Amino acid sequence: MNPKSVININNIFELDEEINEYLNNNLNTIIKINFDEKSDKVFNDFILKNKISSDIYLKSNYKINIDLISENFKIYLFFINCVEKSIEKISQSKYKSLFEPEYIWNFSICDNIMFNYPFTMYDIIFFPITYIYKCFYENNVNIENNVNIENNVNIENNVNNSIELIKTIIHEKLHINQRNNINLWENFIKIKDNKWEKITKDNEIFKLIKNNINSNFFFIDNKLDYKYQFIINPDTDYDDFIYIYMINDKKYYGNFVFNKITKLIETKYFSIDLNNNKLKMCNNILEHEHPYEIYAYNIANEIYKL
């Protein structure tokens, strides 16, 4: 999309037909960008499955399936422009096969869920509207309180702000591919770092980890600690396998935790104590808790530099 070609619209609600015609004529016809209406059910199913942490996964005023066009058409154009730029970057990269279907994108614009971080479930990318606002404005000041969006902000002047959004779009699209191509990514991870070991649900380690996470047993120095709570990262959560990291025959597991004092998410690693059926917090082994996250970050950064 060429921002210079954007038509002037004074009343968006009176011109739905004109908007649709404009978008249909200007978007690449092979690109399908859907704002998925079934995402509320997908997310509600996740909450029902993880009731133990539902109070920290969503706020009382949360929203799903926000109509971005009605919310702010300029922000919508900015977001679509970033998606198109992401596709352009992907099509030029050696990782193109990791994004199939490359031209089909499903989004749900949301607010006040999952700490207002982007995430994926099934084939849907959930994008917090505050995250898009933050990428759109140069000053990034009082984003949450900025209800009345300035109409004179020029999309072309926000090129630098689009960098983070484009990298995030690429990153989240990789998580969709990981979910659809588990064996491909298992081989990819083995080649990149064979210290990662995939553990399936029939393994005692898998049962230990899942039991601890679901029960929120938290041990620090062999003592129960109630400062932290295990939380799920939807991008790396699978029912039938997990990944652990091996160093000198010692096994470690990484997971997101919620700090009940600071109200922030932290990455923590745990040593696996099979004899006592415990996870014990230790010094962080890696920056990210899961190989899917590590390579989503690395590949997205590499693709953006093209």
Protein backbone atom coordinates (compact mmCIF):
# COMPACT_ATOMS: atom_id res chain seq x y z
CA MET A 1 0.00 0.00 0.00
CA ASN A 2 1.27 3.46 -0.89
CA PRO A 3 0.34 5.86 1.96
CA LYS A 4 0.34 8.75 -0.52
CA SER A 5 -2.69 7.25 -2.19
CA VAL A 6 -4.85 7.23 0.94
CA ILE A 7 -8.18 8.93 0.31
CA ASN A 8 -9.51 11.64 2.61
CA ILE A 9 -12.44 10.42 4.70
CA ASN A 10 -14.38 12.72 6.97
CA ASN A 11 -16.98 10.30 8.24
CA ILE A 12 -15.87 6.68 8.10
CA PHE A 13 -19.25 5.27 9.11
CA GLU A 14 -20.97 6.80 6.09
CA LEU A 15 -18.41 5.46 3.65
CA ASP A 16 -18.06 1.76 4.38
CA GLU A 17 -18.71 0.86 0.75
CA GLU A 18 -16.15 3.37 -0.50
CA ILE A 19 -13.57 2.13 2.00
CA ASN A 20 -14.05 -1.48 0.97
CA GLU A 21 -13.76 -0.59 -2.68
CA TYR A 22 -10.58 1.38 -2.01
CA LEU A 23 -8.98 -1.44 -0.04
CA ASN A 24 -9.96 -4.08 -2.57
CA ASN A 25 -8.42 -2.03 -5.36
CA ASN A 26 -5.19 -1.24 -3.53
CA LEU A 27 -4.29 -4.33 -1.51
CA ASN A 28 -2.44 -7.12 -3.24
CA THR A 29 -5.25 -9.47 -4.27
CA ILE A 30 -3.36 -12.61 -3.21
CA ILE A 31 -2.92 -11.34 0.34
CA LYS A 32 -5.73 -12.35 2.68
CA ILE A 33 -5.83 -10.42 5.95
CA ASN A 34 -8.67 -11.60 8.14
CA PHE A 35 -9.85 -10.16 11.43
CA ASP A 36 -11.04 -13.37 12.95
CA GLU A 37 -14.46 -13.37 14.60
CA LYS A 38 -13.97 -16.79 16.19
CA SER A 39 -11.04 -15.59 18.27
CA ASP A 40 -13.24 -14.87 21.30
CA LYS A 41 -14.21 -18.54 21.50
CA VAL A 42 -10.59 -19.60 21.06
CA PHE A 43 -9.47 -17.37 23.90
CA ASN A 44 -12.38 -18.29 26.17
CA ASP A 45 -11.52 -21.97 25.72
CA PHE A 46 -7.96 -21.17 26.81
CA ILE A 47 -9.24 -19.36 29.91
CA LEU A 48 -11.51 -22.26 30.84
CA LYS A 49 -8.56 -24.61 30.54
CA ASN A 50 -6.37 -22.36 32.71
CA LYS A 51 -8.79 -21.10 35.35
CA ILE A 52 -6.11 -21.13 38.03
CA SER A 53 -4.50 -18.07 36.42
CA SER A 54 -7.48 -16.46 34.69
CA ASP A 55 -7.50 -13.50 37.08
CA ILE A 56 -4.07 -12.41 35.87
CA TYR A 57 -4.63 -13.30 32.19
CA LEU A 58 -7.43 -10.79 31.73
CA LYS A 59 -8.79 -7.62 33.25
CA SER A 60 -12.46 -6.97 33.86
CA ASN A 61 -12.63 -4.48 30.96
CA TYR A 62 -10.93 -6.73 28.41
CA LYS A 63 -11.96 -6.72 24.75
CA ILE A 64 -11.50 -9.17 21.87
CA ASN A 65 -12.26 -8.66 18.17
CA ILE A 66 -11.96 -4.88 18.29
CA ASP A 67 -13.03 -3.33 14.99
CA LEU A 68 -9.84 -1.47 14.08
CA ILE A 69 -11.47 0.39 11.21
CA SER A 70 -14.13 1.85 13.47
CA GLU A 71 -11.64 2.41 16.26
CA ASN A 72 -9.28 4.47 14.12
CA PHE A 73 -8.94 4.20 10.37
CA LYS A 74 -5.47 5.75 10.28
CA ILE A 75 -4.23 3.19 12.79
CA TYR A 76 -5.86 0.47 10.69
CA LEU A 77 -4.00 1.65 7.57
CA PHE A 78 -0.75 1.75 9.52
CA PHE A 79 -1.28 -1.81 10.75
CA ILE A 80 -2.18 -3.15 7.29
CA ASN A 81 0.83 -1.36 5.82
CA CYS A 82 3.08 -3.08 8.37
CA VAL A 83 1.58 -6.48 7.52
CA GLU A 84 2.28 -5.87 3.83
CA LYS A 85 5.85 -4.84 4.60
CA SER A 86 6.25 -7.99 6.71
CA ILE A 87 5.10 -10.14 3.79
CA GLU A 88 7.53 -8.33 1.48
CA LYS A 89 10.41 -9.02 3.88
CA ILE A 90 9.40 -12.67 4.26
CA SER A 91 9.13 -13.24 0.50
CA GLN A 92 12.73 -12.01 0.07
CA SER A 93 14.18 -14.23 2.79
CA LYS A 94 15.64 -17.73 2.86
CA TYR A 95 13.07 -18.59 5.55
CA LYS A 96 10.08 -18.19 3.27
CA SER A 97 9.07 -21.85 3.66
CA LEU A 98 8.64 -21.33 7.42
CA PHE A 99 5.71 -18.99 6.83
CA GLU A 100 3.39 -21.04 4.64
CA PRO A 101 0.70 -20.09 3.96
CA GLU A 102 2.64 -16.88 3.47
CA TYR A 103 -0.25 -14.74 2.24
CA ILE A 104 -2.98 -15.75 4.70
CA TRP A 105 -3.07 -13.85 7.99
CA ASN A 106 -5.64 -14.03 10.78
CA PHE A 107 -5.68 -11.31 13.44
CA SER A 108 -7.72 -10.46 16.49
CA ILE A 109 -7.28 -6.94 17.86
CA CYS A 110 -7.67 -7.05 21.62
CA ASP A 111 -7.17 -5.11 24.84
CA ASN A 112 -6.30 -6.00 28.43
CA ILE A 113 -5.65 -9.69 27.90
CA MET A 114 -2.38 -11.61 28.39
CA PHE A 115 -0.55 -8.57 29.79
CA ASN A 116 -1.15 -6.69 26.53
CA TYR A 117 1.55 -8.65 24.72
CA PRO A 118 1.01 -10.09 21.21
CA PHE A 119 0.49 -13.86 21.16
CA THR A 120 -0.97 -16.64 19.05
CA MET A 121 -3.60 -19.35 19.44
CA TYR A 122 -4.33 -21.82 16.66
CA ASP A 123 -3.87 -19.80 13.44
CA ILE A 124 -4.79 -16.44 15.00
CA ILE A 125 -2.42 -13.65 15.98
CA PHE A 126 -3.81 -11.63 18.89
CA PHE A 127 -2.59 -8.03 18.76
CA PRO A 128 -3.19 -5.61 21.65
CA ILE A 129 -4.44 -2.30 20.35
CA THR A 130 -2.20 -0.44 22.81
CA TYR A 131 0.81 -2.18 21.23
CA ILE A 132 -0.20 -0.86 17.80
CA TYR A 133 -0.72 2.65 19.19
CA LYS A 134 2.70 2.50 20.82
CA CYS A 135 4.33 1.62 17.51
CA PHE A 136 2.40 4.35 15.69
CA TYR A 137 3.30 7.31 17.88
CA GLU A 138 6.84 8.64 18.11
CA ASN A 139 6.61 9.83 21.70
CA ASN A 140 4.83 6.75 23.07
CA VAL A 141 3.44 8.89 25.91
CA ASN A 142 0.20 8.11 27.75
CA ILE A 143 -0.81 5.55 25.15
CA GLU A 144 -3.44 3.93 27.38
CA ASN A 145 -5.08 7.29 28.08
CA ASN A 146 -4.95 8.49 24.49
CA VAL A 147 -8.57 7.95 23.55
CA ASN A 148 -8.86 10.77 21.04
CA ILE A 149 -6.36 9.91 18.32
CA GLU A 150 -4.80 12.87 16.50
CA ASN A 151 -5.95 12.91 12.91
CA ASN A 152 -2.96 14.87 11.65
CA VAL A 153 -0.40 12.15 12.37
CA ASN A 154 1.20 11.11 9.09
CA ILE A 155 1.80 7.42 8.52
CA GLU A 156 4.88 8.20 6.44
CA ASN A 157 6.49 9.96 9.40
CA ASN A 158 6.20 6.80 11.48
CA VAL A 159 8.57 4.61 9.48
CA ASN A 160 10.92 4.11 12.40
CA ASN A 161 8.03 3.18 14.69
CA SER A 162 6.94 0.51 12.22
CA ILE A 163 10.17 -1.46 12.74
CA GLU A 164 9.12 -3.04 16.01
CA LEU A 165 5.63 -3.81 14.74
CA ILE A 166 6.91 -5.46 11.56
CA LYS A 167 9.39 -7.61 13.49
CA THR A 168 6.63 -8.61 15.91
CA ILE A 169 4.25 -9.53 13.07
CA ILE A 170 6.96 -11.75 11.55
CA HIS A 171 7.75 -13.23 14.97
CA GLU A 172 4.13 -14.17 15.67
CA LYS A 173 3.62 -15.61 12.19
CA LEU A 174 6.54 -17.95 12.92
CA HIS A 175 4.68 -19.22 15.99
CA ILE A 176 1.76 -20.15 13.75
CA ASN A 177 4.10 -22.17 11.55
CA GLN A 178 5.67 -23.86 14.57
CA ARG A 179 2.24 -25.01 15.65
CA ASN A 180 1.48 -26.42 12.20
CA ASN A 181 4.89 -27.98 11.50
CA ILE A 182 6.11 -29.52 14.75
CA ASN A 183 8.39 -32.11 13.12
CA LEU A 184 10.00 -29.54 10.84
CA TRP A 185 10.83 -27.35 13.82
CA GLU A 186 12.06 -30.30 15.88
CA ASN A 187 14.67 -31.00 13.19
CA PHE A 188 15.48 -27.29 12.86
CA ILE A 189 16.15 -27.00 16.61
CA LYS A 190 18.31 -30.14 16.67
CA ILE A 191 20.53 -28.68 13.97
CA LYS A 192 20.78 -25.26 15.63
CA ASP A 193 21.31 -26.38 19.25
CA ASN A 194 21.27 -30.06 20.20
CA LYS A 195 21.21 -29.22 23.91
CA TRP A 196 17.46 -28.80 23.56
CA GLU A 197 15.59 -32.05 24.20
CA LYS A 198 11.96 -32.63 23.31
CA ILE A 199 10.09 -34.48 26.07
CA THR A 200 6.78 -36.19 25.29
CA LYS A 201 3.84 -36.74 27.61
CA ASP A 202 4.70 -40.37 28.44
CA ASN A 203 7.97 -39.22 30.07
CA GLU A 204 8.20 -38.76 33.86
CA ILE A 205 9.86 -35.36 33.36
CA PHE A 206 6.87 -34.17 31.37
CA LYS A 207 4.49 -35.24 34.14
CA LEU A 208 6.63 -33.60 36.82
CA ILE A 209 6.73 -30.27 34.99
CA LYS A 210 3.05 -30.21 34.10
CA ASN A 211 2.03 -31.14 37.65
CA ASN A 212 4.15 -28.36 39.12
CA ILE A 213 2.90 -25.75 36.67
CA ASN A 214 -0.75 -26.70 37.07
CA SER A 215 -0.49 -26.80 40.86
CA ASN A 216 1.73 -23.71 41.12
CA PHE A 217 4.19 -25.43 43.46
CA PHE A 218 7.10 -23.04 43.57
CA PHE A 219 10.36 -24.00 45.27
CA ILE A 220 13.25 -21.64 46.01
CA ASP A 221 16.11 -23.14 48.01
CA ASN A 222 13.97 -26.20 48.59
CA LYS A 223 11.27 -24.13 50.26
CA LEU A 224 7.81 -23.34 48.98
CA ASP A 225 7.63 -19.75 47.79
CA TYR A 226 4.41 -17.84 47.11
CA LYS A 227 5.92 -14.74 45.48
CA TYR A 228 5.64 -16.24 42.01
CA GLN A 229 2.98 -17.95 39.95
CA PHE A 230 3.55 -20.07 36.86
CA ILE A 231 1.86 -18.68 33.76
CA ILE A 232 1.29 -20.06 30.28
CA ASN A 233 2.89 -18.66 27.15
CA PRO A 234 0.31 -19.53 24.46
CA ASP A 235 3.01 -19.42 21.76
CA THR A 236 4.89 -22.35 23.31
CA ASP A 237 2.17 -24.25 25.17
CA TYR A 238 1.51 -27.77 23.87
CA ASP A 239 -0.44 -30.60 25.47
CA ASP A 240 1.80 -33.45 24.40
CA PHE A 241 5.40 -32.20 24.58
CA ILE A 242 7.74 -29.72 26.21
CA TYR A 243 11.38 -28.74 25.71
CA ILE A 244 14.13 -28.94 28.34
CA TYR A 245 17.75 -27.80 28.12
CA MET A 246 20.72 -30.05 28.90
CA ILE A 247 24.03 -28.84 30.36
CA ASN A 248 26.57 -31.45 31.50
CA ASP A 249 23.85 -34.07 32.01
CA LYS A 250 21.82 -31.66 34.14
CA LYS A 251 18.29 -30.89 33.00
CA TYR A 252 16.69 -27.46 33.06
CA TYR A 253 13.26 -26.16 32.23
CA GLY A 254 12.31 -22.57 31.38
CA ASN A 255 8.92 -20.95 31.96
CA PHE A 256 7.22 -17.58 32.33
CA VAL A 257 6.26 -16.64 35.87
CA PHE A 258 4.16 -13.82 37.27
CA ASN A 259 5.72 -11.81 40.07
CA LYS A 260 2.85 -11.13 42.47
CA ILE A 261 4.69 -8.17 44.02
CA THR A 262 5.86 -6.29 40.91
CA LYS A 263 2.93 -7.55 38.78
CA LEU A 264 5.41 -8.24 35.95
CA ILE A 265 6.24 -11.28 33.85
CA GLU A 266 9.67 -12.81 34.32
CA THR A 267 11.55 -15.62 32.59
CA LYS A 268 12.79 -18.24 35.05
CA TYR A 269 14.73 -21.47 34.70
CA PHE A 270 14.40 -24.45 36.98
CA SER A 271 16.57 -27.47 37.65
CA ILE A 272 14.61 -30.70 37.38
CA ASP A 273 14.74 -32.79 40.54
CA LEU A 274 13.19 -36.13 39.64
CA ASN A 275 14.07 -37.77 42.94
CA ASN A 276 12.02 -35.27 44.92
CA ASN A 277 9.50 -34.54 42.16
CA LYS A 278 10.30 -30.81 42.23
CA LEU A 279 11.26 -27.91 40.02
CA LYS A 280 13.85 -25.73 41.78
CA MET A 281 14.49 -22.19 40.62
CA CYS A 282 18.04 -21.54 39.46
CA ASN A 283 20.03 -18.89 37.62
CA ASN A 284 18.65 -18.24 34.17
CA ILE A 285 20.30 -20.45 31.58
CA LEU A 286 19.19 -18.56 28.47
CA GLU A 287 17.52 -15.23 27.67
CA HIS A 288 14.29 -16.89 26.52
CA GLU A 289 12.51 -19.84 28.03
CA HIS A 290 11.81 -21.93 24.92
CA PRO A 291 13.50 -22.70 21.57
CA TYR A 292 10.38 -21.56 19.71
CA GLU A 293 10.82 -18.11 21.24
CA ILE A 294 14.57 -18.01 20.68
CA TYR A 295 14.32 -18.73 16.96
CA ALA A 296 11.23 -16.59 16.45
CA TYR A 297 13.22 -13.62 17.76
CA ASN A 298 16.39 -14.52 15.85
CA ILE A 299 14.69 -15.17 12.51
CA ALA A 300 12.41 -12.13 12.72
CA ASN A 301 15.41 -9.88 13.41
CA GLU A 302 17.38 -11.44 10.56
CA ILE A 303 14.50 -11.10 8.09
CA TYR A 304 13.93 -7.45 8.98
CA LYS A 305 17.54 -6.59 8.14
CA LEU A 306 17.07 -7.73 4.51
